[in-house]
C-alpha atoms as a PDB file:
ATOM      1  CA  UNK A   1      12.690-105.002-115.288  1.00  0.00           C
ATOM      2  CA  UNK A   2      14.207-106.889-118.196  1.00  0.00           C
ATOM      3  CA  UNK A   3      16.656-105.432-120.653  1.00  0.00           C
ATOM      4  CA  UNK A   4      15.621-105.160-124.284  1.00  0.00           C
ATOM      5  CA  UNK A   5      17.346-107.531-126.720  1.00  0.00           C
ATOM      6  CA  UNK A   6      20.041-105.774-128.744  1.00  0.00           C
ATOM      7  CA  UNK A   7      19.172-105.258-132.390  1.00  0.00           C
ATOM      8  CA  UNK A   8      20.843-107.803-134.668  1.00  0.00           C
ATOM      9  CA  UNK A   9      23.811-106.530-136.612  1.00  0.00           C
ATOM     10  CA  UNK A  10      23.222-105.990-140.338  1.00  0.00           C
ATOM     11  CA  UNK A  11      23.960-109.177-142.174  1.00  0.00           C
ATOM     12  CA  UNK A  12      23.673-111.464-139.126  1.00  0.00           C
ATOM     13  CA  UNK A  13      20.617-113.657-138.757  1.00  0.00           C
ATOM     14  CA  UNK A  14      18.320-113.160-135.823  1.00  0.00           C
ATOM     15  CA  UNK A  15      18.614-115.663-132.981  1.00  0.00           C
ATOM     16  CA  UNK A  16      16.892-118.912-133.866  1.00  0.00           C
ATOM     17  CA  UNK A  17      17.225-118.368-137.633  1.00  0.00           C
ATOM     18  CA  UNK A  18      18.089-121.494-139.563  1.00  0.00           C
ATOM     19  CA  UNK A  19      19.593-121.659-143.035  1.00  0.00           C
ATOM     20  CA  UNK A  20      17.572-123.979-145.295  1.00  0.00           C
ATOM     21  CA  UNK A  21      18.963-122.813-148.623  1.00  0.00           C
ATOM     22  CA  UNK A  22      22.525-121.587-149.128  1.00  0.00           C
ATOM     23  CA  UNK A  23      23.995-120.069-152.314  1.00  0.00           C
ATOM     24  CA  UNK A  24      27.771-120.374-152.660  1.00  0.00           C
ATOM     25  CA  UNK A  25      29.372-118.378-155.449  1.00  0.00           C
ATOM     26  CA  UNK A  26      32.437-119.361-157.404  1.00  0.00           C
ATOM     27  CA  UNK A  27      34.789-117.762-159.897  1.00  0.00           C
ATOM     28  CA  UNK A  28      36.971-120.888-159.669  1.00  0.00           C
ATOM     29  CA  UNK A  29      39.732-119.137-157.674  1.00  0.00           C
ATOM     30  CA  UNK A  30      41.323-120.531-154.485  1.00  0.00           C
ATOM     31  CA  UNK A  31      39.307-117.964-152.471  1.00  0.00           C
ATOM     32  CA  UNK A  32      36.042-119.196-153.902  1.00  0.00           C
ATOM     33  CA  UNK A  33      37.123-122.813-153.201  1.00  0.00           C
ATOM     34  CA  UNK A  34      37.590-121.908-149.521  1.00  0.00           C
ATOM     35  CA  UNK A  35      34.169-120.241-149.501  1.00  0.00           C
ATOM     36  CA  UNK A  36      32.588-123.278-151.173  1.00  0.00           C
ATOM     37  CA  UNK A  37      34.078-125.626-148.595  1.00  0.00           C
ATOM     38  CA  UNK A  38      32.748-123.455-145.771  1.00  0.00           C
ATOM     39  CA  UNK A  39      29.298-123.425-147.421  1.00  0.00           C
ATOM     40  CA  UNK A  40      29.482-127.191-147.941  1.00  0.00           C
ATOM     41  CA  UNK A  41      30.258-127.771-144.255  1.00  0.00           C
ATOM     42  CA  UNK A  42      27.412-125.453-143.224  1.00  0.00           C
ATOM     43  CA  UNK A  43      24.975-127.157-145.561  1.00  0.00           C
ATOM     44  CA  UNK A  44      25.979-130.572-144.268  1.00  0.00           C
ATOM     45  CA  UNK A  45      25.754-129.516-140.584  1.00  0.00           C
ATOM     46  CA  UNK A  46      22.426-127.742-141.025  1.00  0.00           C
ATOM     47  CA  UNK A  47      20.814-130.092-143.530  1.00  0.00           C
ATOM     48  CA  UNK A  48      20.510-127.194-145.966  1.00  0.00           C
ATOM     49  CA  UNK A  49      20.252-127.323-149.726  1.00  0.00           C
ATOM     50  CA  UNK A  50      23.389-125.889-151.344  1.00  0.00           C
ATOM     51  CA  UNK A  51      23.344-124.016-154.632  1.00  0.00           C
ATOM     52  CA  UNK A  52      26.714-123.449-156.329  1.00  0.00           C
ATOM     53  CA  UNK A  53      26.505-120.473-158.684  1.00  0.00           C
ATOM     54  CA  UNK A  54      28.953-119.224-161.276  1.00  0.00           C
ATOM     55  CA  UNK A  55      28.245-116.072-163.271  1.00  0.00           C
ATOM     56  CA  UNK A  56      29.995-116.120-166.633  1.00  0.00           C
ATOM     57  CA  UNK A  57      30.477-112.455-167.449  1.00  0.00           C
ATOM     58  CA  UNK A  58      28.493-111.413-170.444  1.00  0.00           C
ATOM     59  CA  UNK A  59      30.906-110.106-173.075  1.00  0.00           C
ATOM     60  CA  UNK A  60      30.552-106.395-173.734  1.00  0.00           C
ATOM     61  CA  UNK A  61      32.178-106.238-177.147  1.00  0.00           C
ATOM     62  CA  UNK A  62      30.591-102.915-177.979  1.00  0.00           C
ATOM     63  CA  UNK A  63      32.433-101.075-175.233  1.00  0.00           C
ATOM     64  CA  UNK A  64      35.739-102.834-175.943  1.00  0.00           C
ATOM     65  CA  UNK A  65      35.812-102.928-179.739  1.00  0.00           C
ATOM     66  CA  UNK A  66      33.104-100.376-180.578  1.00  0.00           C
ATOM     67  CA  UNK A  67      31.235-102.953-182.617  1.00  0.00           C
ATOM     68  CA  UNK A  68      27.588-103.841-182.717  1.00  0.00           C
ATOM     69  CA  UNK A  69      26.910-107.542-182.120  1.00  0.00           C
ATOM     70  CA  UNK A  70      23.669-109.143-183.262  1.00  0.00           C
ATOM     71  CA  UNK A  71      21.456-110.830-180.712  1.00  0.00           C
ATOM     72  CA  UNK A  72      22.145-114.242-182.277  1.00  0.00           C
ATOM     73  CA  UNK A  73      25.919-113.774-182.162  1.00  0.00           C
ATOM     74  CA  UNK A  74      25.734-112.566-178.546  1.00  0.00           C
ATOM     75  CA  UNK A  75      23.635-115.594-177.601  1.00  0.00           C
ATOM     76  CA  UNK A  76      26.179-117.919-179.223  1.00  0.00           C
ATOM     77  CA  UNK A  77      29.020-116.216-177.279  1.00  0.00           C
ATOM     78  CA  UNK A  78      27.076-116.476-174.012  1.00  0.00           C
ATOM     79  CA  UNK A  79      26.179-120.107-174.733  1.00  0.00           C
ATOM     80  CA  UNK A  80      29.862-120.959-175.241  1.00  0.00           C
ATOM     81  CA  UNK A  81      30.784-119.101-172.037  1.00  0.00           C
ATOM     82  CA  UNK A  82      28.164-121.123-170.104  1.00  0.00           C
ATOM     83  CA  UNK A  83      29.452-124.408-171.607  1.00  0.00           C
ATOM     84  CA  UNK A  84      33.046-123.602-170.631  1.00  0.00           C
ATOM     85  CA  UNK A  85      31.899-122.600-167.148  1.00  0.00           C
ATOM     86  CA  UNK A  86      29.991-125.888-166.693  1.00  0.00           C
ATOM     87  CA  UNK A  87      33.153-127.834-167.560  1.00  0.00           C
ATOM     88  CA  UNK A  88      35.155-125.720-165.113  1.00  0.00           C
ATOM     89  CA  UNK A  89      32.484-126.306-162.460  1.00  0.00           C
ATOM     90  CA  UNK A  90      32.817-130.073-162.928  1.00  0.00           C
ATOM     91  CA  UNK A  91      36.591-129.694-162.395  1.00  0.00           C
ATOM     92  CA  UNK A  92      35.977-127.415-159.398  1.00  0.00           C
ATOM     93  CA  UNK A  93      33.778-130.068-157.745  1.00  0.00           C
ATOM     94  CA  UNK A  94      35.975-133.042-158.601  1.00  0.00           C
ATOM     95  CA  UNK A  95      37.286-134.677-155.444  1.00  0.00           C
ATOM     96  CA  UNK A  96      34.889-132.850-153.093  1.00  0.00           C
ATOM     97  CA  UNK A  97      32.929-134.952-150.586  1.00  0.00           C
ATOM     98  CA  UNK A  98      29.342-134.085-151.508  1.00  0.00           C
ATOM     99  CA  UNK A  99      27.750-136.954-149.619  1.00  0.00           C
ATOM    100  CA  UNK A 100      24.794-135.926-147.487  1.00  0.00           C
ATOM    101  CA  UNK A 101      24.322-132.593-149.265  1.00  0.00           C
ATOM    102  CA  UNK A 102      21.812-131.735-151.959  1.00  0.00           C
ATOM    103  CA  UNK A 103      23.923-129.710-154.409  1.00  0.00           C
ATOM    104  CA  UNK A 104      22.384-127.647-157.212  1.00  0.00           C
ATOM    105  CA  UNK A 105      25.090-126.343-159.600  1.00  0.00           C
ATOM    106  CA  UNK A 106      24.010-123.450-161.788  1.00  0.00           C
ATOM    107  CA  UNK A 107      25.687-121.219-164.410  1.00  0.00           C
ATOM    108  CA  UNK A 108      24.279-117.920-165.691  1.00  0.00           C
ATOM    109  CA  UNK A 109      25.652-115.052-167.753  1.00  0.00           C
ATOM    110  CA  UNK A 110      25.439-111.411-166.840  1.00  0.00           C
ATOM    111  CA  UNK A 111      26.801-108.926-164.329  1.00  0.00           C
ATOM    112  CA  UNK A 112      28.116-111.022-161.414  1.00  0.00           C
ATOM    113  CA  UNK A 113      26.778-109.113-158.369  1.00  0.00           C
ATOM    114  CA  UNK A 114      23.383-108.473-159.971  1.00  0.00           C
ATOM    115  CA  UNK A 115      22.983-112.097-161.031  1.00  0.00           C
ATOM    116  CA  UNK A 116      24.071-113.489-157.646  1.00  0.00           C
ATOM    117  CA  UNK A 117      21.555-111.348-155.761  1.00  0.00           C
ATOM    118  CA  UNK A 118      18.775-112.117-158.263  1.00  0.00           C
ATOM    119  CA  UNK A 119      19.478-115.847-158.170  1.00  0.00           C
ATOM    120  CA  UNK A 120      19.486-115.900-154.361  1.00  0.00           C
ATOM    121  CA  UNK A 121      16.126-114.112-154.300  1.00  0.00           C
ATOM    122  CA  UNK A 122      14.699-116.415-156.969  1.00  0.00           C
ATOM    123  CA  UNK A 123      15.558-119.611-155.049  1.00  0.00           C
ATOM    124  CA  UNK A 124      14.678-118.133-151.649  1.00  0.00           C
ATOM    125  CA  UNK A 125      18.207-118.307-150.224  1.00  0.00           C
ATOM    126  CA  UNK A 126      18.747-117.649-146.535  1.00  0.00           C
ATOM    127  CA  UNK A 127      22.484-117.170-146.949  1.00  0.00           C
ATOM    128  CA  UNK A 128      24.956-116.247-149.697  1.00  0.00           C
ATOM    129  CA  UNK A 129      28.586-117.324-149.225  1.00  0.00           C
ATOM    130  CA  UNK A 130      31.252-115.417-151.132  1.00  0.00           C
ATOM    131  CA  UNK A 131      35.021-115.614-151.134  1.00  0.00           C
ATOM    132  CA  UNK A 132      37.117-112.538-150.633  1.00  0.00           C
ATOM    133  CA  UNK A 133      39.660-111.848-153.325  1.00  0.00           C
ATOM    134  CA  UNK A 134      43.075-111.083-151.799  1.00  0.00           C
ATOM    135  CA  UNK A 135      43.433-107.857-153.781  1.00  0.00           C
ATOM    136  CA  UNK A 136      40.225-106.480-152.234  1.00  0.00           C
ATOM    137  CA  UNK A 137      41.886-106.412-148.799  1.00  0.00           C
ATOM    138  CA  UNK A 138      44.038-103.417-147.925  1.00  0.00           C
ATOM    139  CA  UNK A 139      42.835-101.235-150.763  1.00  0.00           C
ATOM    140  CA  UNK A 140      43.288 -97.509-150.437  1.00  0.00           C
ATOM    141  CA  UNK A 141      40.043 -95.580-149.996  1.00  0.00           C
ATOM    142  CA  UNK A 142      40.117 -94.261-153.576  1.00  0.00           C
ATOM    143  CA  UNK A 143      40.554 -97.773-154.971  1.00  0.00           C
ATOM    144  CA  UNK A 144      37.795 -99.035-152.701  1.00  0.00           C
ATOM    145  CA  UNK A 145      35.352 -96.356-153.845  1.00  0.00           C
ATOM    146  CA  UNK A 146      36.236 -96.629-157.529  1.00  0.00           C
ATOM    147  CA  UNK A 147      36.407-100.407-157.769  1.00  0.00           C
ATOM    148  CA  UNK A 148      33.782-102.016-155.528  1.00  0.00           C
ATOM    149  CA  UNK A 149      34.213-105.776-155.545  1.00  0.00           C
ATOM    150  CA  UNK A 150      31.501-108.227-156.459  1.00  0.00           C
ATOM    151  CA  UNK A 151      31.401-109.434-152.851  1.00  0.00           C
ATOM    152  CA  UNK A 152      30.982-105.905-151.525  1.00  0.00           C
ATOM    153  CA  UNK A 153      28.139-105.206-153.949  1.00  0.00           C
ATOM    154  CA  UNK A 154      26.463-108.487-153.016  1.00  0.00           C
ATOM    155  CA  UNK A 155      26.748-107.655-149.297  1.00  0.00           C
ATOM    156  CA  UNK A 156      25.276-104.215-149.937  1.00  0.00           C
ATOM    157  CA  UNK A 157      22.330-105.308-152.098  1.00  0.00           C
ATOM    158  CA  UNK A 158      21.332-108.833-150.994  1.00  0.00           C
ATOM    159  CA  UNK A 159      18.113-109.254-149.028  1.00  0.00           C
ATOM    160  CA  UNK A 160      19.499-112.231-147.094  1.00  0.00           C
ATOM    161  CA  UNK A 161      22.561-112.750-144.921  1.00  0.00           C
ATOM    162  CA  UNK A 162      25.976-112.814-146.620  1.00  0.00           C
ATOM    163  CA  UNK A 163      29.029-114.615-145.304  1.00  0.00           C
ATOM    164  CA  UNK A 164      32.419-113.535-146.645  1.00  0.00           C
ATOM    165  CA  UNK A 165      35.158-116.164-146.306  1.00  0.00           C
ATOM    166  CA  UNK A 166      38.816-115.097-146.312  1.00  0.00           C
END
């Protein structure tokens, strides 16, 4: 009589799963650089396509300054944020060995966790790689409940596997 296979842990791929499309996220911090390098190595080893995603936070001027911003003005602000982020992404990638990897850099505006999960679903990602921010480790329970990190929200809501790199 054979033993049944144990159920896979949440977030881990089933045996035999291969990653064909990986989404690495960046906020241009050292933690996201470590996560990108791990994703880059995985993509190279597995022959996977690598998407590098940055979410430029959409300004919420109404809640900060109690002002109403027209749609045109908001679009101009978001457009500038995307342009700055594209320049920062070029700097982020400078000096990285990208040979042998198909890299797709992408910048969007919006709520980071929501946009990351939506983008991963849209491109059919098998894996999302996020960096852990140092301040998210060792939080007290109240801080953890009140201030869920982007990475935690992505892990909770993504439909594919999520790798957190420390």
